[in-house]
Amino acid sequence: MSSTGIAFHHPLSFWLGCLGITLGVLSHVPMFVHASHMGYHMAGMPMDTTMLVGMALIPLGFLAAVHGLMPRLDSLRTVDHQTLHFHVADSIPLNREHWKLVIVLLVAVAIDVMKPATLGFVMPGMTREYEITSQVAGVLALVALTGTTIGSIAWGVLADLLGRRAAILLSALMFIGTAICGAMPSFNWNLVMCFLMGLSAGGLLPITFTLMAESIPATHRGWLLVTLGGLGTAAGYLLASGSAALLEPVFSWRILWMLGLPTGLLVIFLNRYIPESPRYLASKGLKREARYVLARFGGMGPATDPAEAQDEATTPEGGLGDLLRAPYTGITLGLLVAGVAWGLVTFGFMLWLPTNLRALELGGQADALLARSALFALPGIVAVIWLYHHWSSVRTLMLFIALTALSLGLFVALDLLGARSVVAYSAAIVLLLVSSSGVIAMLIPYAAEIYPVHLRGTGAGLAAASSKLGGILGALLGIVGLFDRLSLSAVVIALPLVVSVVLLGRSGVDTRGLRLEDIHAVMKGRTPSP
């Protein structure tokens, strides 16, 4: 790796891997084009030799790219007794380099959200083409959520082993490879590719938050992380819906999967604006590279202190088990419980809410109720950003978790009272959407701040995985009929939310304006350096 912080350890292997994956995806395009006269109906078509060769090229290309990004840490480490100056980097204003990184990571988050968001748009066309029931098609969503759950954890661990930049680029390459889902001739092949798509999508989101947390000055870190989550999610859903509206009528549902090729390549081409995290480099003993990245962001300074030198020493390897050990036990459990509960709200309670509203004889107004209420979620994100930056990070997270529990309590009260008021249910839905949107906007950013450098990727990945795990549980509980009973399902979800508030209240730390090293010091019971 060169001192630029943006080069590759084995550039030839990486770029050959990119070429192999791209050619593997492109080898599926001829069959797709040949099916144009049939409305791109490819169900039952046999795979030709070109497609089979392309399918083999993709995993081979991915392995080559992994080798290209594989660091040889022992050979890269040099004797360097000079101290790095993260305290200087944390005290400077946002500059051009910071904003370039923010924009590139915003693009990455939008692309990451876009991929699974297209799932809802491909389901109708897929159901018709493969002649399957909606229940069978629903297995696709369950498989995708399982992939994102595993991917969030796996890529988080990978980011702590190979680096944040390497994890982002490998996730983007996997994005490209799963574009062949759009040319699969059978539903079973779509299940396999959708699982792999979930693996790639699950990893990109938490790692972008980790990289930004370690690169942005402390004063601006919190609000920018929450903004990245809010805007990136909104942009991703907008891209998915816009692509469906513009392209699906012409090229069928399959084109939405194949967009993984250009969007993934966009992240790869933007790699020159994605330097490795200076804190990660320093933690691995690569001080020369870390110093260059700090200079790139304008954070070099002439002075330091002994406490800083101790914080910047090479850190030990970490793992999932460390997240459940002191002093992180309470915070980790609080974030996990909140994430699972959020998944139950989003992929369970909200998914069945239109059905329950119709059962309450509000059927004619159910869709309009949800559509109008969803508009209030956007200004709610603005409130989250302001409170997270100006009041308290952990208290804002606790507040919105508590509000989510309160909104579920309103549904219980309305159901038990036999209310049929459109205004009352509108208020409950608005509060639920605003509060739950706020929770997910803060969950991963807070995890990216609270854990030390050698656990940060793993911790952010685990927080992201918990929300997907909640989605899986929501889908399974929906099958057994829990969400048919409005009050019972609301109580089942509200209880763990209350538990999460208690856990975070006992163990949480306000990260607002603190350097990452100082947050680590607070967690360890030490006095932060000035």
Protein backbone atom coordinates (compact mmCIF):
# COMPACT_ATOMS: atom_id res chain seq x y z
CA MET A 1 0.00 0.00 0.00
CA SER A 2 1.41 3.41 -0.91
CA SER A 3 1.48 6.36 1.43
CA THR A 4 -1.53 7.90 -0.29
CA GLY A 5 -3.97 5.84 1.75
CA ILE A 6 -6.03 5.12 -1.38
CA ALA A 7 -3.83 2.66 -3.28
CA PHE A 8 -4.16 -1.14 -3.38
CA HIS A 9 -1.85 -3.71 -1.83
CA HIS A 10 -1.92 -5.77 -5.04
CA PRO A 11 -3.41 -3.47 -7.72
CA LEU A 12 -3.14 -5.94 -10.61
CA SER A 13 -5.10 -8.59 -8.71
CA PHE A 14 -7.78 -6.07 -7.71
CA TRP A 15 -8.37 -4.65 -11.17
CA LEU A 16 -8.26 -8.10 -12.80
CA GLY A 17 -10.86 -9.17 -10.24
CA CYS A 18 -13.05 -6.17 -11.12
CA LEU A 19 -12.71 -7.02 -14.82
CA GLY A 20 -13.59 -10.67 -14.21
CA ILE A 21 -16.73 -9.82 -12.24
CA THR A 22 -17.83 -7.22 -14.80
CA LEU A 23 -17.31 -9.62 -17.71
CA GLY A 24 -19.17 -12.31 -15.77
CA VAL A 25 -22.20 -10.04 -15.45
CA LEU A 26 -21.99 -8.82 -19.05
CA SER A 27 -21.99 -12.44 -20.27
CA HIS A 28 -25.63 -12.64 -19.10
CA VAL A 29 -26.74 -9.63 -21.13
CA PRO A 30 -27.03 -11.39 -24.56
CA MET A 31 -29.66 -13.83 -23.26
CA PHE A 32 -31.51 -10.92 -21.69
CA VAL A 33 -31.48 -9.01 -24.99
CA HIS A 34 -32.56 -12.08 -26.96
CA ALA A 35 -35.65 -12.30 -24.76
CA SER A 36 -36.74 -8.75 -25.64
CA HIS A 37 -39.28 -9.92 -28.20
CA MET A 38 -40.99 -11.92 -25.43
CA GLY A 39 -41.16 -8.97 -23.07
CA TYR A 40 -37.92 -10.17 -21.44
CA HIS A 41 -39.68 -13.32 -20.25
CA MET A 42 -36.78 -15.70 -19.42
CA ALA A 43 -38.48 -18.23 -17.12
CA GLY A 44 -37.58 -21.78 -18.18
CA MET A 45 -34.89 -20.74 -20.66
CA PRO A 46 -31.77 -22.97 -20.51
CA MET A 47 -28.50 -21.30 -19.56
CA ASP A 48 -26.08 -21.16 -22.47
CA THR A 49 -22.32 -21.73 -22.22
CA THR A 50 -21.59 -18.00 -22.10
CA MET A 51 -23.76 -17.56 -19.03
CA LEU A 52 -22.23 -20.54 -17.26
CA VAL A 53 -18.70 -19.27 -17.94
CA GLY A 54 -19.78 -15.86 -16.67
CA MET A 55 -21.11 -17.39 -13.45
CA ALA A 56 -17.71 -18.98 -12.90
CA LEU A 57 -15.87 -15.73 -13.60
CA ILE A 58 -17.70 -13.85 -10.86
CA PRO A 59 -16.46 -15.83 -7.81
CA LEU A 60 -12.97 -16.11 -9.34
CA GLY A 61 -12.92 -12.34 -9.88
CA PHE A 62 -14.10 -11.74 -6.33
CA LEU A 63 -11.28 -13.90 -4.91
CA ALA A 64 -8.76 -11.99 -7.03
CA ALA A 65 -10.14 -8.69 -5.73
CA VAL A 66 -9.89 -9.96 -2.13
CA HIS A 67 -6.23 -10.76 -2.76
CA GLY A 68 -5.78 -7.28 -4.23
CA LEU A 69 -7.05 -5.69 -1.04
CA MET A 70 -5.39 -8.12 1.38
CA PRO A 71 -2.91 -6.22 3.55
CA ARG A 72 0.45 -7.68 4.53
CA LEU A 73 0.61 -5.84 7.81
CA ASP A 74 3.94 -7.21 9.03
CA SER A 75 5.76 -6.03 5.92
CA LEU A 76 3.98 -2.66 5.91
CA ARG A 77 4.73 -1.71 9.51
CA THR A 78 7.74 0.52 10.00
CA VAL A 79 9.56 1.81 13.05
CA ASP A 80 7.87 5.15 13.69
CA HIS A 81 8.03 6.81 17.07
CA GLN A 82 6.33 10.03 16.01
CA THR A 83 2.89 10.54 17.51
CA LEU A 84 -0.20 11.12 15.41
CA HIS A 85 -2.40 14.11 16.15
CA PHE A 86 -6.04 13.06 16.10
CA HIS A 87 -6.85 15.84 18.58
CA VAL A 88 -5.84 18.35 15.88
CA ALA A 89 -7.90 16.56 13.22
CA ASP A 90 -10.92 16.70 15.54
CA SER A 91 -10.62 20.45 16.13
CA ILE A 92 -10.55 21.70 12.53
CA PRO A 93 -13.61 22.87 10.56
CA LEU A 94 -15.09 20.82 7.75
CA ASN A 95 -13.11 21.28 4.55
CA ARG A 96 -13.24 20.20 0.93
CA GLU A 97 -11.79 16.75 1.60
CA HIS A 98 -14.36 16.06 4.31
CA TRP A 99 -17.23 17.06 2.05
CA LYS A 100 -15.93 14.91 -0.81
CA LEU A 101 -15.88 11.92 1.50
CA VAL A 102 -19.39 12.73 2.80
CA ILE A 103 -20.79 12.96 -0.75
CA VAL A 104 -19.15 9.72 -1.88
CA LEU A 105 -20.38 7.85 1.20
CA LEU A 106 -23.86 9.33 0.68
CA VAL A 107 -23.83 7.85 -2.82
CA ALA A 108 -22.70 4.50 -1.37
CA VAL A 109 -25.50 4.47 1.23
CA ALA A 110 -28.13 5.41 -1.38
CA ILE A 111 -26.94 2.58 -3.64
CA ASP A 112 -26.92 0.18 -0.70
CA VAL A 113 -30.50 1.07 0.27
CA MET A 114 -31.65 1.02 -3.35
CA LYS A 115 -30.80 -2.64 -3.90
CA PRO A 116 -33.09 -4.23 -1.27
CA ALA A 117 -35.68 -1.48 -1.79
CA THR A 118 -36.25 -2.76 -5.33
CA LEU A 119 -37.51 -6.02 -3.82
CA GLY A 120 -41.04 -4.70 -3.46
CA PHE A 121 -41.06 -3.51 -7.07
CA VAL A 122 -39.85 -6.80 -8.60
CA MET A 123 -42.25 -9.03 -6.64
CA PRO A 124 -45.38 -8.52 -8.81
CA GLY A 125 -43.58 -9.13 -12.11
CA MET A 126 -41.62 -12.05 -10.70
CA THR A 127 -44.80 -13.64 -9.33
CA ARG A 128 -46.45 -13.45 -12.75
CA GLU A 129 -43.46 -14.67 -14.76
CA TYR A 130 -42.62 -17.65 -12.56
CA GLU A 131 -46.32 -18.39 -11.96
CA ILE A 132 -45.95 -18.62 -8.20
CA THR A 133 -48.20 -17.49 -5.38
CA SER A 134 -47.56 -14.35 -3.38
CA GLN A 135 -46.81 -16.53 -0.35
CA VAL A 136 -44.05 -18.36 -2.24
CA ALA A 137 -42.73 -15.06 -3.54
CA GLY A 138 -42.61 -13.83 0.05
CA VAL A 139 -39.86 -16.38 0.69
CA LEU A 140 -37.65 -14.10 -1.42
CA ALA A 141 -37.99 -11.28 1.12
CA LEU A 142 -37.21 -13.68 3.98
CA VAL A 143 -34.10 -14.96 2.17
CA ALA A 144 -32.95 -11.39 1.43
CA LEU A 145 -33.39 -10.34 5.07
CA THR A 146 -31.45 -13.41 6.20
CA GLY A 147 -28.64 -12.43 3.82
CA THR A 148 -28.53 -8.85 5.11
CA THR A 149 -28.46 -10.06 8.72
CA ILE A 150 -25.49 -12.36 8.11
CA GLY A 151 -23.84 -9.81 5.83
CA SER A 152 -24.01 -7.00 8.38
CA ILE A 153 -22.11 -9.09 10.91
CA ALA A 154 -19.67 -10.65 8.43
CA TRP A 155 -18.71 -7.38 6.75
CA GLY A 156 -18.39 -5.65 10.11
CA VAL A 157 -15.86 -8.25 11.23
CA LEU A 158 -14.12 -8.00 7.83
CA ALA A 159 -13.86 -4.21 8.17
CA ASP A 160 -12.01 -4.64 11.47
CA LEU A 161 -9.67 -7.20 9.89
CA LEU A 162 -8.96 -5.82 6.39
CA GLY A 163 -10.00 -2.18 6.77
CA ARG A 164 -13.04 0.01 6.17
CA ARG A 165 -12.12 0.91 2.59
CA ALA A 166 -11.48 -2.70 1.62
CA ALA A 167 -14.86 -3.79 3.04
CA ILE A 168 -16.72 -1.06 1.14
CA LEU A 169 -15.05 -1.94 -2.18
CA LEU A 170 -15.56 -5.70 -1.75
CA SER A 171 -19.21 -5.11 -0.88
CA ALA A 172 -19.60 -3.02 -4.05
CA LEU A 173 -18.01 -5.80 -6.12
CA MET A 174 -20.45 -8.29 -4.66
CA PHE A 175 -23.21 -5.84 -5.61
CA ILE A 176 -22.00 -6.01 -9.21
CA GLY A 177 -21.90 -9.81 -9.20
CA THR A 178 -25.48 -10.17 -7.95
CA ALA A 179 -26.74 -8.13 -10.92
CA ILE A 180 -27.01 -11.46 -12.78
CA CYS A 181 -30.13 -12.08 -10.67
CA GLY A 182 -31.92 -10.16 -13.45
CA ALA A 183 -31.11 -12.91 -15.95
CA MET A 184 -31.91 -15.98 -13.85
CA PRO A 185 -34.32 -18.38 -15.60
CA SER A 186 -35.79 -19.92 -12.43
CA PHE A 187 -37.15 -18.73 -9.10
CA ASN A 188 -34.73 -20.96 -7.16
CA TRP A 189 -31.77 -19.22 -8.78
CA ASN A 190 -33.31 -15.91 -7.78
CA LEU A 191 -33.43 -17.11 -4.18
CA VAL A 192 -29.70 -17.90 -4.27
CA MET A 193 -28.80 -14.57 -5.86
CA CYS A 194 -31.13 -12.65 -3.57
CA PHE A 195 -29.37 -14.17 -0.57
CA LEU A 196 -26.01 -13.06 -1.97
CA MET A 197 -27.47 -9.63 -2.71
CA GLY A 198 -28.50 -9.43 0.94
CA LEU A 199 -24.97 -10.34 2.01
CA SER A 200 -23.54 -7.44 0.02
CA ALA A 201 -26.25 -4.95 0.97
CA GLY A 202 -26.00 -5.82 4.65
CA GLY A 203 -22.35 -4.87 4.79
CA LEU A 204 -22.06 -1.58 2.99
CA LEU A 205 -24.31 0.47 5.29
CA PRO A 206 -22.60 -0.05 8.68
CA ILE A 207 -19.10 0.24 7.21
CA THR A 208 -19.79 3.63 5.62
CA PHE A 209 -20.88 4.90 9.04
CA THR A 210 -17.73 3.45 10.60
CA LEU A 211 -15.45 5.13 8.07
CA MET A 212 -17.20 8.48 8.42
CA ALA A 213 -17.13 8.34 12.22
CA GLU A 214 -13.35 7.87 12.12
CA SER A 215 -12.71 10.60 9.54
CA ILE A 216 -15.01 13.54 10.43
CA PRO A 217 -14.07 16.12 13.13
CA ALA A 218 -15.71 15.42 16.49
CA THR A 219 -17.82 18.60 16.49
CA HIS A 220 -19.60 17.62 13.28
CA ARG A 221 -19.46 13.83 13.49
CA GLY A 222 -22.81 13.14 15.17
CA TRP A 223 -25.15 15.24 13.06
CA LEU A 224 -23.42 14.25 9.82
CA LEU A 225 -23.74 10.55 10.66
CA VAL A 226 -27.47 10.89 11.32
CA THR A 227 -27.90 13.06 8.22
CA LEU A 228 -26.06 10.45 6.14
CA GLY A 229 -28.48 7.79 7.33
CA GLY A 230 -31.61 9.88 6.79
CA LEU A 231 -30.72 11.33 3.37
CA GLY A 232 -29.09 8.13 2.13
CA THR A 233 -32.15 6.05 2.99
CA ALA A 234 -34.54 8.55 1.40
CA ALA A 235 -32.37 8.79 -1.74
CA GLY A 236 -32.14 5.00 -2.00
CA TYR A 237 -35.91 4.53 -1.90
CA LEU A 238 -36.33 7.39 -4.37
CA LEU A 239 -33.86 5.78 -6.78
CA ALA A 240 -35.61 2.43 -6.45
CA SER A 241 -39.09 3.84 -7.07
CA GLY A 242 -37.88 6.12 -9.87
CA SER A 243 -36.08 3.29 -11.64
CA ALA A 244 -39.16 1.10 -11.34
CA ALA A 245 -41.37 3.82 -12.82
CA LEU A 246 -39.03 4.63 -15.72
CA LEU A 247 -37.42 1.31 -16.64
CA GLU A 248 -39.69 -1.53 -15.54
CA PRO A 249 -42.48 -0.82 -18.09
CA VAL A 250 -39.91 -1.08 -20.90
CA PHE A 251 -37.43 -3.74 -19.72
CA SER A 252 -39.56 -5.69 -17.21
CA TRP A 253 -38.79 -6.25 -13.52
CA ARG A 254 -35.47 -7.86 -14.40
CA ILE A 255 -33.79 -4.55 -15.20
CA LEU A 256 -34.09 -3.48 -11.55
CA TRP A 257 -31.74 -6.29 -10.49
CA MET A 258 -29.33 -5.61 -13.36
CA LEU A 259 -28.84 -2.03 -12.16
CA GLY A 260 -26.41 -3.55 -9.67
CA LEU A 261 -23.76 -3.44 -12.42
CA PRO A 262 -23.64 0.33 -13.08
CA THR A 263 -24.33 1.33 -9.47
CA GLY A 264 -21.65 -1.00 -8.10
CA LEU A 265 -19.14 0.19 -10.71
CA LEU A 266 -19.89 3.77 -9.66
CA VAL A 267 -18.68 3.00 -6.12
CA ILE A 268 -15.54 1.34 -7.53
CA PHE A 269 -14.78 4.34 -9.77
CA LEU A 270 -15.21 6.66 -6.78
CA ASN A 271 -12.64 4.70 -4.76
CA ARG A 272 -10.03 7.45 -5.24
CA TYR A 273 -12.15 9.61 -2.92
CA ILE A 274 -12.38 6.90 -0.24
CA PRO A 275 -9.17 6.88 1.80
CA GLU A 276 -8.69 4.31 4.51
CA SER A 277 -9.61 5.39 8.02
CA PRO A 278 -6.55 7.01 9.68
CA ARG A 279 -7.58 5.54 13.04
CA TYR A 280 -7.77 2.04 11.57
CA LEU A 281 -4.34 2.46 9.96
CA ALA A 282 -2.83 3.69 13.23
CA SER A 283 -4.42 0.80 15.15
CA LYS A 284 -2.63 -1.64 12.82
CA GLY A 285 0.73 0.09 13.25
CA LEU A 286 0.66 1.78 9.81
CA LYS A 287 1.54 5.24 11.10
CA ARG A 288 3.04 6.54 7.87
CA GLU A 289 -0.15 5.84 5.93
CA ALA A 290 -2.29 7.20 8.77
CA ARG A 291 -0.22 10.39 8.85
CA TYR A 292 -0.76 10.94 5.13
CA VAL A 293 -4.54 10.57 5.45
CA LEU A 294 -4.56 12.98 8.39
CA ALA A 295 -2.62 15.49 6.32
CA ARG A 296 -5.09 15.01 3.47
CA PHE A 297 -7.89 16.05 5.80
CA GLY A 298 -5.83 18.94 7.20
CA GLY A 299 -5.43 17.44 10.64
CA MET A 300 -1.65 17.42 11.22
CA GLY A 301 -0.35 19.41 14.15
CA PRO A 302 2.89 20.04 16.00
CA ALA A 303 1.96 18.98 19.51
CA THR A 304 0.65 15.99 21.36
CA ASP A 305 0.52 14.54 24.84
CA PRO A 306 1.30 11.19 26.50
CA ALA A 307 -2.36 10.24 26.82
CA GLU A 308 -2.83 10.67 23.09
CA ALA A 309 0.18 8.52 22.34
CA GLN A 310 -1.27 5.75 24.46
CA ASP A 311 -4.63 5.93 22.67
CA GLU A 312 -2.94 5.63 19.28
CA ALA A 313 -0.91 2.55 20.09
CA THR A 314 -1.48 -0.60 18.06
CA THR A 315 -4.70 -2.14 19.33
CA PRO A 316 -5.46 -5.84 19.89
CA GLU A 317 -7.71 -7.85 17.63
CA GLY A 318 -11.34 -7.94 18.72
CA GLY A 319 -14.39 -10.06 18.07
CA LEU A 320 -18.13 -10.38 18.61
CA GLY A 321 -17.63 -11.72 22.12
CA ASP A 322 -15.88 -8.52 23.20
CA LEU A 323 -19.03 -6.53 22.47
CA LEU A 324 -20.85 -8.42 25.23
CA ARG A 325 -18.08 -7.96 27.78
CA ALA A 326 -17.66 -5.03 30.16
CA PRO A 327 -17.88 -2.12 29.67
CA TYR A 328 -19.98 -2.63 26.51
CA THR A 329 -22.45 -5.27 27.74
CA GLY A 330 -25.34 -2.92 28.57
CA ILE A 331 -24.93 -0.73 25.48
CA THR A 332 -24.64 -3.70 23.13
CA LEU A 333 -27.74 -5.39 24.56
CA GLY A 334 -29.65 -2.10 24.50
CA LEU A 335 -28.82 -1.51 20.83
CA LEU A 336 -29.59 -5.11 19.87
CA VAL A 337 -32.97 -5.10 21.59
CA ALA A 338 -33.85 -1.74 20.00
CA GLY A 339 -32.81 -3.01 16.56
CA VAL A 340 -34.85 -6.20 16.82
CA ALA A 341 -37.88 -4.25 18.04
CA TRP A 342 -37.52 -1.79 15.15
CA GLY A 343 -37.49 -4.69 12.70
CA LEU A 344 -40.65 -6.07 14.30
CA VAL A 345 -42.33 -2.67 13.92
CA THR A 346 -41.30 -2.17 10.31
CA PHE A 347 -41.56 -5.69 8.88
CA GLY A 348 -44.32 -6.92 11.16
CA PHE A 349 -46.63 -4.38 12.78
CA MET A 350 -46.57 -1.84 9.92
CA LEU A 351 -46.78 -4.55 7.27
CA TRP A 352 -50.02 -5.87 8.76
CA LEU A 353 -51.42 -2.50 9.78
CA PRO A 354 -53.44 -1.93 6.56
CA THR A 355 -55.12 -5.31 7.10
CA ASN A 356 -55.91 -4.47 10.71
CA LEU A 357 -57.28 -1.05 9.76
CA ARG A 358 -59.62 -2.69 7.29
CA ALA A 359 -60.79 -5.05 10.02
CA LEU A 360 -61.64 -1.94 12.05
CA GLU A 361 -63.85 -0.79 9.16
CA LEU A 362 -61.32 1.86 8.11
CA GLY A 363 -60.46 -0.06 4.96
CA GLY A 364 -61.42 2.66 2.49
CA GLN A 365 -59.13 5.13 4.21
CA ALA A 366 -56.25 2.81 5.20
CA ASP A 367 -53.92 3.53 2.28
CA ALA A 368 -54.58 7.28 2.41
CA LEU A 369 -53.97 7.25 6.17
CA LEU A 370 -50.57 5.58 5.77
CA ALA A 371 -49.54 7.75 2.81
CA ARG A 372 -50.35 11.02 4.60
CA SER A 373 -48.73 9.86 7.82
CA ALA A 374 -45.51 8.83 6.06
CA LEU A 375 -44.93 12.45 5.01
CA PHE A 376 -44.37 13.37 8.65
CA ALA A 377 -41.41 11.01 8.95
CA LEU A 378 -39.17 13.39 6.96
CA PRO A 379 -39.45 16.43 9.26
CA GLY A 380 -39.06 13.97 12.11
CA ILE A 381 -35.55 13.17 10.83
CA VAL A 382 -34.72 16.89 10.92
CA ALA A 383 -35.73 16.93 14.60
CA VAL A 384 -33.54 13.88 15.23
CA ILE A 385 -30.51 15.59 13.64
CA TRP A 386 -31.01 18.76 15.71
CA LEU A 387 -31.49 16.92 19.01
CA TYR A 388 -28.62 14.51 18.37
CA HIS A 389 -26.26 17.44 17.76
CA HIS A 390 -27.54 20.07 20.22
CA TRP A 391 -28.98 18.03 23.12
CA SER A 392 -27.61 14.51 23.63
CA SER A 393 -26.90 11.55 21.37
CA VAL A 394 -27.86 8.76 23.76
CA ARG A 395 -30.81 10.65 25.27
CA THR A 396 -32.19 11.41 21.81
CA LEU A 397 -31.94 7.73 20.92
CA MET A 398 -33.65 6.78 24.19
CA LEU A 399 -36.37 9.42 23.61
CA PHE A 400 -37.30 8.05 20.20
CA ILE A 401 -37.24 4.45 21.41
CA ALA A 402 -39.59 5.47 24.22
CA LEU A 403 -41.83 7.36 21.77
CA THR A 404 -42.03 4.23 19.61
CA ALA A 405 -43.20 2.26 22.64
CA LEU A 406 -45.69 5.04 23.50
CA SER A 407 -47.15 5.05 19.99
CA LEU A 408 -47.67 1.28 20.19
CA GLY A 409 -49.41 1.90 23.52
CA LEU A 410 -51.79 4.30 21.76
CA PHE A 411 -52.78 1.54 19.35
CA VAL A 412 -53.48 -0.73 22.32
CA ALA A 413 -55.64 1.95 23.97
CA LEU A 414 -57.60 2.69 20.78
CA ASP A 415 -58.18 -1.00 20.16
CA LEU A 416 -59.33 -1.72 23.72
CA LEU A 417 -61.65 1.31 23.67
CA GLY A 418 -63.13 0.21 20.37
CA ALA A 419 -62.29 3.57 18.78
CA ARG A 420 -62.94 4.09 15.08
CA SER A 421 -61.63 7.65 14.83
CA VAL A 422 -59.61 8.46 11.71
CA VAL A 423 -57.97 11.38 13.52
CA ALA A 424 -56.92 9.23 16.48
CA TYR A 425 -55.44 6.48 14.32
CA SER A 426 -53.72 9.08 12.13
CA ALA A 427 -52.04 10.54 15.22
CA ALA A 428 -50.90 7.08 16.37
CA ILE A 429 -49.52 6.22 12.92
CA VAL A 430 -47.69 9.57 12.60
CA LEU A 431 -46.09 9.13 16.01
CA LEU A 432 -45.06 5.55 15.19
CA LEU A 433 -43.55 6.46 11.82
CA VAL A 434 -41.69 9.52 13.15
CA SER A 435 -40.33 7.74 16.23
CA SER A 436 -39.34 4.49 14.49
CA SER A 437 -37.68 6.42 11.63
CA GLY A 438 -35.70 8.33 14.23
CA VAL A 439 -34.58 5.12 15.93
CA ILE A 440 -33.13 3.56 12.78
CA ALA A 441 -31.52 6.89 11.79
CA MET A 442 -29.53 6.86 15.06
CA LEU A 443 -28.99 3.17 15.79
CA ILE A 444 -25.99 2.47 13.53
CA PRO A 445 -24.42 5.96 13.84
CA TYR A 446 -24.42 5.65 17.64
CA ALA A 447 -22.84 2.19 17.40
CA ALA A 448 -20.17 3.61 15.07
CA GLU A 449 -19.29 6.19 17.72
CA ILE A 450 -19.44 4.20 20.94
CA TYR A 451 -17.11 1.25 20.23
CA PRO A 452 -13.28 1.41 20.07
CA VAL A 453 -11.46 1.27 16.75
CA HIS A 454 -10.76 -2.49 16.80
CA LEU A 455 -14.45 -3.26 17.46
CA ARG A 456 -16.13 -0.39 15.61
CA GLY A 457 -16.90 -2.18 12.34
CA THR A 458 -18.10 -5.30 14.16
CA GLY A 459 -20.26 -3.25 16.53
CA ALA A 460 -21.87 -1.20 13.75
CA GLY A 461 -22.45 -4.38 11.75
CA LEU A 462 -24.09 -6.11 14.72
CA ALA A 463 -26.40 -3.12 15.28
CA ALA A 464 -27.41 -3.19 11.61
CA ALA A 465 -27.92 -6.96 11.74
CA SER A 466 -30.26 -6.67 14.73
CA SER A 467 -32.76 -4.60 12.72
CA LYS A 468 -32.74 -7.22 9.94
CA LEU A 469 -33.11 -10.01 12.49
CA GLY A 470 -36.21 -8.20 13.74
CA GLY A 471 -37.50 -8.25 10.17
CA ILE A 472 -37.00 -12.02 9.96
CA LEU A 473 -38.81 -12.50 13.27
CA GLY A 474 -41.56 -10.16 12.05
CA ALA A 475 -42.08 -12.25 8.93
CA LEU A 476 -42.17 -15.49 10.94
CA LEU A 477 -44.53 -14.09 13.59
CA GLY A 478 -46.77 -12.82 10.82
CA ILE A 479 -47.06 -16.35 9.47
CA VAL A 480 -48.24 -17.67 12.86
CA GLY A 481 -50.80 -14.87 13.10
CA LEU A 482 -49.43 -12.63 15.87
CA PHE A 483 -50.07 -9.43 13.91
CA ASP A 484 -53.70 -10.36 13.32
CA ARG A 485 -54.24 -9.23 16.94
CA LEU A 486 -53.43 -5.53 17.06
CA SER A 487 -53.22 -5.06 20.82
CA LEU A 488 -51.23 -8.21 21.53
CA SER A 489 -48.64 -7.52 18.83
CA ALA A 490 -48.24 -3.91 20.00
CA VAL A 491 -47.60 -5.02 23.57
CA VAL A 492 -45.14 -7.74 22.47
CA ILE A 493 -43.04 -5.12 20.64
CA ALA A 494 -43.40 -2.32 23.19
CA LEU A 495 -42.00 -4.36 26.08
CA PRO A 496 -38.50 -4.90 24.60
CA LEU A 497 -38.42 -1.21 23.62
CA VAL A 498 -38.87 -0.29 27.29
CA VAL A 499 -36.10 -2.75 28.21
CA SER A 500 -33.83 -1.08 25.64
CA VAL A 501 -34.44 2.37 27.15
CA VAL A 502 -33.52 1.05 30.61
CA LEU A 503 -30.32 -0.61 29.35
CA LEU A 504 -29.17 2.47 27.43
CA GLY A 505 -30.09 4.72 30.35
CA ARG A 506 -27.81 2.72 32.64
CA SER A 507 -24.88 2.15 30.28
CA GLY A 508 -25.13 4.75 27.50
CA VAL A 509 -22.65 7.59 27.03
CA ASP A 510 -23.34 10.95 25.43
CA THR A 511 -20.97 11.06 22.44
CA ARG A 512 -21.88 14.60 21.38
CA GLY A 513 -18.74 16.59 20.54
CA LEU A 514 -16.36 14.06 22.10
CA ARG A 515 -13.36 12.65 20.27
CA LEU A 516 -13.59 8.92 19.61
CA GLU A 517 -10.55 8.43 21.86
CA ASP A 518 -12.29 10.33 24.66
CA ILE A 519 -15.45 8.23 24.27
CA HIS A 520 -13.28 5.14 24.63
CA ALA A 521 -11.67 6.67 27.72
CA VAL A 522 -15.07 7.39 29.29
CA MET A 523 -16.17 3.82 28.64
CA LYS A 524 -13.02 2.54 30.27
CA GLY A 525 -13.57 4.80 33.27
CA ARG A 526 -10.63 7.07 32.49
CA THR A 527 -10.52 10.85 32.37
CA PRO A 528 -10.65 12.15 28.77
CA SER A 529 -7.60 13.99 27.55
CA PRO A 530 -8.09 17.77 27.14
